Amino acid sequence: MELLVLGPLEVQAGGVGVVIRRGRPRRLLLGLVLRRGVAVSTDVLIEELWGDDPPLNAPNALQILVSYLRKTLAPVPSIVLETVPGGYRLAIDDDRLAGRRGPAGC
């Protein structure tokens, strides 16, 4: 049995796929997409990415992931990863998000 909610996470710029590394970079992007437009604290993001075993320099490790995402998403000007007091916010227009639909009737 499979439960497919929206399909795989994909980013496109001009119809060309932008590759987001697996693991924490994708989890970070997905967490921010799900809360798009809302500031998410660094503490919440660290908890989501590392759980009960964060690295000693977790805020720095998070900043490195954010930097990676910013560079990777640079070709997509409609997606902006903003730094806000105490955290980050993903700015993206809802019309730029596409959900995948399953078979008819789903």
N, C-alpha and C. Protein backbone atom coordinates (compact mmCIF):
# COMPACT_ATOMS: atom_id res chain seq x y z
N MET A 1 0.84 -1.17 0.00
CA MET A 1 0.00 0.00 0.00
C MET A 1 0.89 1.24 0.00
N GLU A 2 0.48 2.25 -0.75
CA GLU A 2 1.20 3.51 -0.78
C GLU A 2 0.24 4.64 -0.47
N LEU A 3 0.75 5.64 0.19
CA LEU A 3 -0.01 6.86 0.46
C LEU A 3 0.76 8.01 -0.15
N LEU A 4 0.30 8.50 -1.28
CA LEU A 4 0.97 9.59 -1.99
C LEU A 4 0.15 10.86 -1.77
N VAL A 5 0.70 11.78 -1.03
CA VAL A 5 -0.05 12.97 -0.69
C VAL A 5 0.03 14.00 -1.80
N LEU A 6 1.20 14.47 -2.13
CA LEU A 6 1.35 15.47 -3.17
C LEU A 6 2.43 15.13 -4.18
N GLY A 7 3.14 14.09 -3.99
CA GLY A 7 4.23 13.75 -4.90
C GLY A 7 5.56 14.24 -4.36
N PRO A 8 6.62 13.98 -5.12
CA PRO A 8 7.95 14.37 -4.65
C PRO A 8 8.13 15.88 -4.67
N LEU A 9 8.99 16.35 -3.81
CA LEU A 9 9.33 17.76 -3.76
C LEU A 9 10.15 18.10 -4.99
N GLU A 10 9.68 19.07 -5.78
CA GLU A 10 10.38 19.50 -6.97
C GLU A 10 10.40 21.01 -7.03
N VAL A 11 11.48 21.56 -7.55
CA VAL A 11 11.60 23.00 -7.78
C VAL A 11 11.96 23.16 -9.24
N GLN A 12 11.29 24.08 -9.92
CA GLN A 12 11.59 24.32 -11.33
C GLN A 12 11.81 25.79 -11.58
N ALA A 13 12.72 26.07 -12.50
CA ALA A 13 12.98 27.44 -12.95
C ALA A 13 12.92 27.42 -14.46
N GLY A 14 11.92 28.09 -15.02
CA GLY A 14 11.78 28.12 -16.47
C GLY A 14 11.59 26.74 -17.06
N GLY A 15 10.89 25.86 -16.35
CA GLY A 15 10.64 24.51 -16.83
C GLY A 15 11.79 23.54 -16.63
N VAL A 16 12.89 24.02 -16.06
CA VAL A 16 14.05 23.16 -15.80
C VAL A 16 14.13 22.87 -14.30
N GLY A 17 14.32 21.61 -13.97
CA GLY A 17 14.39 21.22 -12.57
C GLY A 17 15.61 21.76 -11.86
N VAL A 18 15.41 22.21 -10.63
CA VAL A 18 16.50 22.66 -9.76
C VAL A 18 16.67 21.57 -8.70
N VAL A 19 17.84 20.99 -8.64
CA VAL A 19 18.08 19.86 -7.74
C VAL A 19 18.36 20.36 -6.33
N ILE A 20 17.57 19.88 -5.39
CA ILE A 20 17.77 20.15 -3.96
C ILE A 20 18.29 18.86 -3.34
N ARG A 21 19.45 18.93 -2.70
CA ARG A 21 20.03 17.73 -2.08
C ARG A 21 19.04 17.05 -1.15
N ARG A 22 19.13 15.74 -1.11
CA ARG A 22 18.29 14.95 -0.21
C ARG A 22 18.69 15.20 1.24
N GLY A 23 17.84 14.76 2.14
CA GLY A 23 18.14 14.87 3.56
C GLY A 23 17.72 16.22 4.13
N ARG A 24 18.55 16.78 4.97
CA ARG A 24 18.20 18.00 5.68
C ARG A 24 17.88 19.18 4.76
N PRO A 25 18.60 19.39 3.66
CA PRO A 25 18.20 20.52 2.79
C PRO A 25 16.76 20.41 2.30
N ARG A 26 16.35 19.22 1.86
CA ARG A 26 14.97 19.05 1.41
C ARG A 26 13.98 19.18 2.56
N ARG A 27 14.35 18.63 3.72
CA ARG A 27 13.45 18.73 4.88
C ARG A 27 13.28 20.18 5.30
N LEU A 28 14.36 20.94 5.26
CA LEU A 28 14.27 22.36 5.61
C LEU A 28 13.36 23.09 4.62
N LEU A 29 13.58 22.87 3.33
CA LEU A 29 12.75 23.53 2.33
C LEU A 29 11.28 23.13 2.49
N LEU A 30 11.01 21.87 2.68
CA LEU A 30 9.64 21.41 2.84
C LEU A 30 8.99 22.03 4.07
N GLY A 31 9.73 22.07 5.18
CA GLY A 31 9.19 22.68 6.40
C GLY A 31 8.85 24.14 6.20
N LEU A 32 9.66 24.85 5.44
CA LEU A 32 9.40 26.26 5.17
C LEU A 32 8.27 26.44 4.16
N VAL A 33 8.19 25.54 3.17
CA VAL A 33 7.09 25.61 2.20
C VAL A 33 5.75 25.41 2.90
N LEU A 34 5.70 24.46 3.81
CA LEU A 34 4.45 24.19 4.52
C LEU A 34 4.01 25.37 5.38
N ARG A 35 4.96 26.23 5.76
CA ARG A 35 4.65 27.41 6.57
C ARG A 35 4.94 28.69 5.79
N ARG A 36 4.88 28.63 4.49
CA ARG A 36 5.26 29.78 3.66
C ARG A 36 4.58 31.05 4.14
N GLY A 37 5.39 32.11 4.14
CA GLY A 37 4.90 33.41 4.57
C GLY A 37 4.92 33.62 6.08
N VAL A 38 5.26 32.59 6.83
CA VAL A 38 5.27 32.67 8.29
C VAL A 38 6.71 32.53 8.79
N ALA A 39 7.09 33.37 9.74
CA ALA A 39 8.42 33.26 10.33
C ALA A 39 8.50 31.99 11.17
N VAL A 40 9.56 31.23 10.96
CA VAL A 40 9.79 29.99 11.72
C VAL A 40 11.08 30.18 12.50
N SER A 41 11.02 29.97 13.79
CA SER A 41 12.19 30.22 14.64
C SER A 41 13.30 29.21 14.37
N THR A 42 14.51 29.64 14.63
CA THR A 42 15.65 28.74 14.46
C THR A 42 15.52 27.53 15.38
N ASP A 43 14.98 27.73 16.59
CA ASP A 43 14.81 26.61 17.52
C ASP A 43 13.88 25.55 16.95
N VAL A 44 12.79 25.97 16.34
CA VAL A 44 11.84 25.02 15.75
C VAL A 44 12.50 24.28 14.59
N LEU A 45 13.20 25.01 13.74
CA LEU A 45 13.85 24.38 12.59
C LEU A 45 14.93 23.39 13.04
N ILE A 46 15.70 23.77 14.04
CA ILE A 46 16.74 22.86 14.56
C ILE A 46 16.10 21.60 15.12
N GLU A 47 15.03 21.74 15.86
CA GLU A 47 14.32 20.58 16.41
C GLU A 47 13.82 19.68 15.29
N GLU A 48 13.26 20.26 14.25
CA GLU A 48 12.73 19.47 13.14
C GLU A 48 13.84 18.77 12.35
N LEU A 49 14.98 19.41 12.23
CA LEU A 49 16.06 18.85 11.43
C LEU A 49 16.93 17.84 12.17
N TRP A 50 17.13 18.05 13.47
CA TRP A 50 18.04 17.19 14.21
C TRP A 50 17.39 16.48 15.39
N GLY A 51 16.18 16.83 15.74
CA GLY A 51 15.51 16.18 16.85
C GLY A 51 16.25 16.37 18.16
N ASP A 52 16.39 15.28 18.90
CA ASP A 52 17.04 15.32 20.21
C ASP A 52 18.55 15.27 20.15
N ASP A 53 19.12 15.24 18.95
CA ASP A 53 20.57 15.11 18.81
C ASP A 53 21.15 16.19 17.89
N PRO A 54 20.94 17.46 18.24
CA PRO A 54 21.47 18.52 17.38
C PRO A 54 22.99 18.62 17.52
N PRO A 55 23.66 19.11 16.48
CA PRO A 55 25.11 19.32 16.60
C PRO A 55 25.39 20.43 17.61
N LEU A 56 26.60 20.47 18.12
CA LEU A 56 26.96 21.49 19.10
C LEU A 56 26.78 22.90 18.54
N ASN A 57 27.02 23.06 17.27
CA ASN A 57 26.89 24.36 16.62
C ASN A 57 25.64 24.40 15.74
N ALA A 58 24.52 23.97 16.29
CA ALA A 58 23.28 23.83 15.52
C ALA A 58 22.86 25.13 14.80
N PRO A 59 22.91 26.31 15.44
CA PRO A 59 22.54 27.52 14.70
C PRO A 59 23.43 27.75 13.49
N ASN A 60 24.72 27.47 13.61
CA ASN A 60 25.63 27.62 12.48
C ASN A 60 25.33 26.58 11.40
N ALA A 61 25.06 25.36 11.81
CA ALA A 61 24.73 24.30 10.85
C ALA A 61 23.44 24.65 10.09
N LEU A 62 22.47 25.21 10.79
CA LEU A 62 21.24 25.65 10.14
C LEU A 62 21.53 26.76 9.15
N GLN A 63 22.38 27.70 9.53
CA GLN A 63 22.71 28.81 8.64
C GLN A 63 23.40 28.31 7.37
N ILE A 64 24.21 27.27 7.49
CA ILE A 64 24.86 26.68 6.33
C ILE A 64 23.82 26.07 5.39
N LEU A 65 22.82 25.38 5.96
CA LEU A 65 21.74 24.83 5.13
C LEU A 65 20.95 25.93 4.44
N VAL A 66 20.67 27.01 5.17
CA VAL A 66 19.95 28.14 4.59
C VAL A 66 20.76 28.75 3.45
N SER A 67 22.05 28.91 3.65
CA SER A 67 22.91 29.46 2.61
C SER A 67 22.89 28.57 1.37
N TYR A 68 22.97 27.26 1.57
CA TYR A 68 22.90 26.31 0.46
C TYR A 68 21.59 26.49 -0.31
N LEU A 69 20.47 26.56 0.43
CA LEU A 69 19.17 26.71 -0.23
C LEU A 69 19.09 28.02 -1.01
N ARG A 70 19.59 29.09 -0.42
CA ARG A 70 19.56 30.37 -1.12
C ARG A 70 20.33 30.31 -2.44
N LYS A 71 21.50 29.72 -2.42
CA LYS A 71 22.30 29.59 -3.64
C LYS A 71 21.60 28.69 -4.66
N THR A 72 21.04 27.60 -4.18
CA THR A 72 20.38 26.66 -5.06
C THR A 72 19.11 27.24 -5.66
N LEU A 73 18.40 28.04 -4.88
CA LEU A 73 17.14 28.63 -5.35
C LEU A 73 17.33 29.95 -6.09
N ALA A 74 18.56 30.42 -6.21
CA ALA A 74 18.83 31.70 -6.88
C ALA A 74 18.22 31.79 -8.28
N PRO A 75 18.19 30.69 -9.07
CA PRO A 75 17.57 30.79 -10.40
C PRO A 75 16.05 30.93 -10.37
N VAL A 76 15.45 30.84 -9.18
CA VAL A 76 14.00 30.91 -9.05
C VAL A 76 13.65 32.19 -8.29
N PRO A 77 13.56 33.33 -8.98
CA PRO A 77 13.35 34.60 -8.29
C PRO A 77 12.02 34.71 -7.55
N SER A 78 11.07 33.83 -7.86
CA SER A 78 9.77 33.90 -7.18
C SER A 78 9.79 33.23 -5.81
N ILE A 79 10.92 32.61 -5.44
CA ILE A 79 11.08 31.98 -4.13
C ILE A 79 12.20 32.70 -3.40
N VAL A 80 11.87 33.30 -2.26
CA VAL A 80 12.87 34.05 -1.50
C VAL A 80 12.90 33.52 -0.07
N LEU A 81 14.07 33.11 0.36
CA LEU A 81 14.27 32.64 1.73
C LEU A 81 14.80 33.82 2.53
N GLU A 82 13.94 34.38 3.37
CA GLU A 82 14.26 35.60 4.11
C GLU A 82 14.74 35.29 5.52
N THR A 83 15.67 36.10 6.00
CA THR A 83 16.06 36.07 7.40
C THR A 83 15.18 37.06 8.14
N VAL A 84 14.57 36.60 9.21
CA VAL A 84 13.73 37.46 10.05
C VAL A 84 14.26 37.36 11.47
N PRO A 85 13.89 38.28 12.35
CA PRO A 85 14.38 38.19 13.72
C PRO A 85 14.08 36.82 14.34
N GLY A 86 15.12 36.11 14.70
CA GLY A 86 14.97 34.82 15.37
C GLY A 86 14.70 33.64 14.47
N GLY A 87 14.72 33.83 13.13
CA GLY A 87 14.43 32.69 12.29
C GLY A 87 14.44 33.01 10.81
N TYR A 88 13.60 32.27 10.08
CA TYR A 88 13.55 32.39 8.63
C TYR A 88 12.11 32.32 8.15
N ARG A 89 11.89 32.85 6.94
CA ARG A 89 10.56 32.82 6.33
C ARG A 89 10.75 32.60 4.83
N LEU A 90 9.90 31.74 4.26
CA LEU A 90 9.92 31.52 2.83
C LEU A 90 8.82 32.36 2.20
N ALA A 91 9.23 33.25 1.32
CA ALA A 91 8.28 34.09 0.60
C ALA A 91 8.07 33.50 -0.78
N ILE A 92 6.85 33.08 -1.07
CA ILE A 92 6.50 32.51 -2.36
C ILE A 92 5.02 32.74 -2.59
N ASP A 93 4.65 33.09 -3.79
CA ASP A 93 3.25 33.27 -4.11
C ASP A 93 2.57 31.90 -4.19
N ASP A 94 1.35 31.82 -3.65
CA ASP A 94 0.64 30.55 -3.69
C ASP A 94 0.43 30.04 -5.11
N ASP A 95 0.32 30.94 -6.08
CA ASP A 95 0.13 30.49 -7.46
C ASP A 95 1.40 29.86 -8.04
N ARG A 96 2.51 29.93 -7.31
CA ARG A 96 3.75 29.29 -7.75
C ARG A 96 3.89 27.87 -7.18
N LEU A 97 2.93 27.46 -6.34
CA LEU A 97 2.95 26.11 -5.77
C LEU A 97 2.01 25.22 -6.56
N ALA A 98 2.47 24.05 -6.87
CA ALA A 98 1.65 23.10 -7.61
C ALA A 98 1.56 21.80 -6.83
N GLY A 99 0.36 21.37 -6.52
CA GLY A 99 0.15 20.08 -5.88
C GLY A 99 -0.15 19.06 -6.96
N ARG A 100 0.30 17.86 -6.74
CA ARG A 100 0.00 16.80 -7.71
C ARG A 100 -1.26 16.09 -7.28
N ARG A 101 -2.11 15.87 -8.24
CA ARG A 101 -3.34 15.15 -7.96
C ARG A 101 -3.15 13.68 -8.33
N GLY A 102 -3.82 12.87 -7.59
CA GLY A 102 -3.78 11.43 -7.88
C GLY A 102 -4.77 11.08 -8.98
N PRO A 103 -5.11 9.81 -9.11
CA PRO A 103 -6.08 9.39 -10.12
C PRO A 103 -7.41 10.10 -9.93
N ALA A 104 -8.19 10.16 -10.98
CA ALA A 104 -9.49 10.84 -10.92
C ALA A 104 -10.30 10.30 -9.76
N GLY A 105 -10.99 11.19 -9.08
CA GLY A 105 -11.81 10.80 -7.95
C GLY A 105 -11.10 10.84 -6.63
N CYS A 106 -9.83 11.10 -6.64
CA CYS A 106 -9.07 11.14 -5.37
C CYS A 106 -9.02 12.55 -4.84
